[in-house]
Protein backbone atom coordinates (compact mmCIF):
# COMPACT_ATOMS: atom_id res chain seq x y z
CA MET A 1 28.15 39.02 -37.50
CA PRO A 2 24.51 39.96 -38.27
CA MET A 3 22.00 37.15 -38.58
CA THR A 4 20.74 36.50 -42.14
CA LYS A 5 17.04 36.27 -42.94
CA LEU A 6 17.36 32.48 -43.31
CA GLY A 7 19.24 32.27 -40.04
CA PHE A 8 16.52 34.33 -38.35
CA LEU A 9 13.87 31.83 -39.44
CA PHE A 10 15.69 28.77 -38.13
CA GLN A 11 17.87 30.05 -35.27
CA SER A 12 15.58 32.45 -33.43
CA SER A 13 12.48 31.52 -31.45
CA LEU A 14 10.41 34.13 -33.29
CA GLY A 15 11.62 32.89 -36.66
CA ARG A 16 10.71 29.31 -35.79
CA LYS A 17 7.24 30.47 -34.77
CA TYR A 18 6.85 32.14 -38.15
CA VAL A 19 7.87 28.90 -39.87
CA MET A 20 5.43 26.94 -37.70
CA GLY A 21 2.62 29.40 -38.42
CA ILE A 22 3.10 29.63 -42.19
CA THR A 23 3.61 25.88 -42.71
CA GLY A 24 0.73 25.10 -40.36
CA ILE A 25 -1.71 27.25 -42.33
CA ALA A 26 -0.43 25.78 -45.62
CA LEU A 27 -1.02 22.24 -44.34
CA PHE A 28 -4.46 23.24 -43.04
CA VAL A 29 -5.42 24.49 -46.52
CA PHE A 30 -4.11 21.24 -48.04
CA VAL A 31 -6.16 19.11 -45.62
CA ILE A 32 -9.34 20.96 -46.63
CA ALA A 33 -8.56 20.69 -50.36
CA HIS A 34 -7.73 16.98 -50.00
CA MET A 35 -10.99 16.35 -48.15
CA ILE A 36 -13.03 18.15 -50.82
CA GLY A 37 -11.40 15.97 -53.47
CA ASN A 38 -12.10 12.77 -51.54
CA LEU A 39 -15.73 13.70 -50.86
CA GLN A 40 -16.36 13.43 -54.60
CA ILE A 41 -16.74 9.71 -53.95
CA TYR A 42 -20.36 10.56 -53.06
CA LEU A 43 -20.87 11.86 -56.62
CA GLY A 44 -20.14 8.40 -58.00
CA PRO A 45 -17.26 6.65 -59.80
CA ASP A 46 -17.18 8.93 -62.85
CA ALA A 47 -16.77 12.14 -60.83
CA ILE A 48 -13.89 11.06 -58.62
CA ASN A 49 -12.16 9.07 -61.37
CA ALA A 50 -12.32 12.09 -63.69
CA TYR A 51 -10.94 14.26 -60.87
CA ALA A 52 -8.05 11.82 -60.33
CA GLU A 53 -7.36 11.64 -64.09
CA THR A 54 -7.17 15.45 -64.24
CA LEU A 55 -4.57 15.47 -61.47
CA GLN A 56 -2.59 12.66 -63.12
CA GLY A 57 -2.62 14.63 -66.37
CA MET A 58 -0.61 17.37 -64.66
CA GLN A 59 2.29 15.17 -63.58
CA GLY A 60 4.88 17.96 -63.68
CA LEU A 61 2.80 20.29 -61.57
CA LEU A 62 1.72 17.41 -59.34
CA TRP A 63 5.31 16.46 -58.50
CA ILE A 64 6.19 20.09 -57.82
CA ALA A 65 3.22 20.24 -55.44
CA ARG A 66 4.22 16.95 -53.77
CA THR A 67 7.82 18.13 -53.32
CA ALA A 68 6.66 21.46 -51.91
CA LEU A 69 4.25 19.68 -49.56
CA LEU A 70 7.02 17.36 -48.35
CA GLY A 71 9.23 20.38 -47.69
CA ILE A 72 6.44 22.11 -45.78
CA VAL A 73 5.87 19.00 -43.63
CA ILE A 74 9.59 18.72 -42.85
CA LEU A 75 9.86 22.42 -41.96
CA HIS A 76 6.77 22.13 -39.74
CA ILE A 77 8.13 19.11 -37.89
CA VAL A 78 11.66 20.51 -37.48
CA SER A 79 10.41 23.87 -36.18
CA ALA A 80 8.03 22.08 -33.80
CA PHE A 81 10.85 20.04 -32.28
CA GLN A 82 13.11 23.09 -32.09
CA LEU A 83 10.45 25.10 -30.25
CA ALA A 84 9.66 22.20 -27.93
CA ALA A 85 13.36 21.81 -27.08
CA ALA A 86 13.73 25.56 -26.51
CA ASN A 87 10.70 25.55 -24.20
CA ARG A 88 12.18 22.69 -22.17
CA ARG A 89 15.49 24.51 -21.82
CA ALA A 90 13.71 27.69 -20.76
CA ARG A 91 11.73 25.82 -18.09
CA PRO A 92 13.86 22.93 -16.80
CA THR A 93 11.53 22.21 -13.88
CA LYS A 94 8.18 20.59 -14.49
CA TYR A 95 4.87 22.23 -13.71
CA ASP A 96 2.95 21.05 -10.68
CA ARG A 97 1.00 17.87 -11.40
CA GLY A 98 2.81 17.52 -14.70
CA LYS A 99 0.93 20.08 -16.80
CA PRO A 100 0.93 23.85 -17.26
CA PRO A 101 -2.03 25.75 -15.85
CA ALA A 102 -4.82 26.75 -18.25
CA ALA A 103 -3.33 24.60 -21.04
CA SER A 104 -5.80 22.58 -23.08
CA TYR A 105 -5.37 18.86 -23.70
CA ALA A 106 -4.86 19.61 -27.40
CA SER A 107 -2.00 22.02 -26.68
CA ARG A 108 -0.30 19.62 -24.23
CA THR A 109 -0.39 16.71 -26.68
CA ILE A 110 0.21 18.61 -29.92
CA LEU A 111 3.76 17.28 -30.41
CA LEU A 112 2.77 13.65 -29.74
CA SER A 113 -0.30 13.87 -31.98
CA GLY A 114 1.88 15.39 -34.70
CA ILE A 115 4.25 12.39 -34.58
CA ILE A 116 1.35 9.91 -34.81
CA ILE A 117 -0.18 11.89 -37.69
CA LEU A 118 3.17 11.68 -39.52
CA ALA A 119 3.13 7.89 -39.10
CA PHE A 120 -0.40 7.82 -40.53
CA ILE A 121 0.60 9.98 -43.53
CA ILE A 122 3.42 7.54 -44.33
CA PHE A 123 1.01 4.58 -44.15
CA HIS A 124 -1.70 6.42 -46.13
CA LEU A 125 0.74 7.28 -48.94
CA SER A 126 2.09 3.72 -48.93
CA HIS A 127 -1.47 2.40 -49.17
CA PHE A 128 -3.19 4.58 -51.77
CA THR A 129 -0.42 6.49 -53.58
CA MET A 130 2.54 4.10 -53.83
CA GLY A 131 0.62 0.81 -53.57
CA LEU A 132 3.10 -0.72 -51.14
CA VAL A 133 0.37 -2.10 -48.85
CA ASP A 134 -1.78 -3.54 -51.67
CA PRO A 135 -0.18 -3.22 -55.16
CA ASN A 136 -3.41 -4.41 -56.81
CA LEU A 137 -5.15 -1.15 -55.89
CA LEU A 138 -3.07 0.77 -58.43
CA GLN A 139 -4.03 -1.67 -61.20
CA LEU A 140 -7.77 -1.01 -60.96
CA ARG A 141 -9.32 0.51 -64.09
CA ASP A 142 -12.83 1.73 -64.85
CA HIS A 143 -14.78 1.24 -68.10
CA LEU A 144 -12.93 4.20 -69.68
CA GLY A 145 -9.51 2.82 -68.80
CA ARG A 146 -8.90 5.40 -66.07
CA HIS A 147 -7.42 4.56 -62.69
CA ASP A 148 -10.47 3.44 -60.71
CA VAL A 149 -9.97 5.56 -57.60
CA TYR A 150 -13.58 4.92 -56.59
CA SER A 151 -13.07 1.14 -56.38
CA MET A 152 -9.66 1.66 -54.78
CA MET A 153 -11.22 3.62 -51.92
CA ILE A 154 -14.04 1.09 -51.55
CA ARG A 155 -11.63 -1.84 -51.37
CA GLY A 156 -9.15 -0.01 -49.16
CA PHE A 157 -11.66 1.14 -46.56
CA SER A 158 -13.57 -2.17 -46.61
CA ASN A 159 -10.79 -3.40 -44.35
CA PRO A 160 -12.05 -2.53 -40.82
CA PHE A 161 -8.50 -2.18 -39.45
CA VAL A 162 -7.56 0.36 -42.13
CA SER A 163 -10.76 2.32 -41.51
CA ILE A 164 -10.30 2.30 -37.73
CA PHE A 165 -6.70 3.48 -38.09
CA TYR A 166 -7.89 6.22 -40.46
CA ILE A 167 -10.61 7.39 -38.06
CA VAL A 168 -8.23 7.42 -35.08
CA ALA A 169 -5.69 9.38 -37.15
CA MET A 170 -8.41 11.87 -38.15
CA ALA A 171 -9.37 12.30 -34.51
CA LEU A 172 -5.74 13.11 -33.63
CA LEU A 173 -5.40 15.36 -36.68
CA CYS A 174 -8.48 17.34 -35.70
CA LEU A 175 -7.32 17.53 -32.09
CA HIS A 176 -4.05 18.89 -33.47
CA LEU A 177 -5.88 21.39 -35.68
CA SER A 178 -8.22 22.54 -32.91
CA HIS A 179 -5.20 24.08 -31.19
CA GLY A 180 -2.74 24.43 -34.07
CA VAL A 181 -4.83 26.62 -36.39
CA SER A 182 -5.43 29.25 -33.72
CA SER A 183 -1.78 29.07 -32.60
CA ALA A 184 -0.61 29.54 -36.20
CA PHE A 185 -2.33 32.91 -36.40
CA GLN A 186 -0.86 33.83 -33.03
CA SER A 187 2.64 32.90 -34.24
CA LEU A 188 2.19 35.24 -37.21
CA GLY A 189 1.03 38.06 -34.94
CA LEU A 190 -2.50 38.02 -36.37
CA ARG A 191 -4.25 36.95 -33.18
CA SER A 192 -4.98 39.39 -30.36
CA SER A 193 -7.02 39.36 -27.17
CA ARG A 194 -9.94 40.72 -29.20
CA THR A 195 -9.79 38.07 -31.89
CA LEU A 196 -8.77 35.16 -29.64
CA ARG A 197 -12.24 33.62 -29.36
CA ILE A 198 -12.92 34.13 -33.07
CA PHE A 199 -9.82 32.19 -34.10
CA GLN A 200 -10.49 29.52 -31.48
CA ARG A 201 -14.00 29.01 -32.85
CA ILE A 202 -12.73 28.91 -36.43
CA ALA A 203 -10.18 26.28 -35.39
CA MET A 204 -12.78 24.19 -33.53
CA VAL A 205 -15.45 24.37 -36.25
CA SER A 206 -12.90 23.56 -38.95
CA ALA A 207 -11.56 20.60 -36.98
CA VAL A 208 -15.06 19.17 -36.44
CA ALA A 209 -16.00 19.68 -40.11
CA ILE A 210 -12.80 17.95 -41.28
CA PHE A 211 -13.36 15.06 -38.88
CA ILE A 212 -16.96 14.53 -40.00
CA GLY A 213 -16.15 14.92 -43.69
CA ASN A 214 -13.15 12.57 -43.77
CA CYS A 215 -14.54 9.96 -41.38
CA SER A 216 -17.87 9.79 -43.20
CA ILE A 217 -16.13 8.05 -46.12
CA PRO A 218 -14.81 4.90 -44.36
CA LEU A 219 -17.94 4.74 -42.21
CA ALA A 220 -20.21 4.89 -45.28
CA ILE A 221 -18.13 2.17 -46.97
CA LEU A 222 -18.15 -0.09 -43.92
CA ALA A 223 -21.92 0.39 -43.58
CA GLY A 224 -22.41 -0.56 -47.22
CA LEU A 225 -23.87 2.81 -48.15
CA THR A 226 -21.22 3.36 -50.84
CA LYS A 227 -20.58 0.44 -53.19
């Protein structure tokens, strides 16, 4: 019986690589967009609170986006585990000294870093989106009655443990991206020997930029530069 298109995506190695590549690029775009939104904290309370109010005013679209993002994350994780399991079955014996030759540290730890990043995402959503860590953060209001996202971020990242966890998670995320972005283009057949270095540099520069941009927020708050 011929394999369906859906079956090809989830039952064949090539199909799983396509899923990994497409979902990986989608998540990469989301990370950049999310960072740009968060960096509005440097423009002051009005800017970031107005931005948050605009998003909250599109609840229907926002929930569609959240559901789609959740689906993308699940597909990315499932395909990653499927590919990892297939690779283990294809090579039952370990490499000498426990690691494949010419493999970077980022590529060897990409599955582990992905699991830790998932744990961070769950905590981050529980903290700032669902208010499970500190329910009072969702009750903050500014002088216009809007949700005071500015004060929420200040209070949230004023906790050194939260900020340290965030920075460590960003380091792992960027380590993940430094290999994953380039691999995503390879999975989609867009990377060749000619463009290899170009995509590797794009991945590295993007990872560093995301790390600096995201980590600057808790560091600025802890240093008292943003109040």
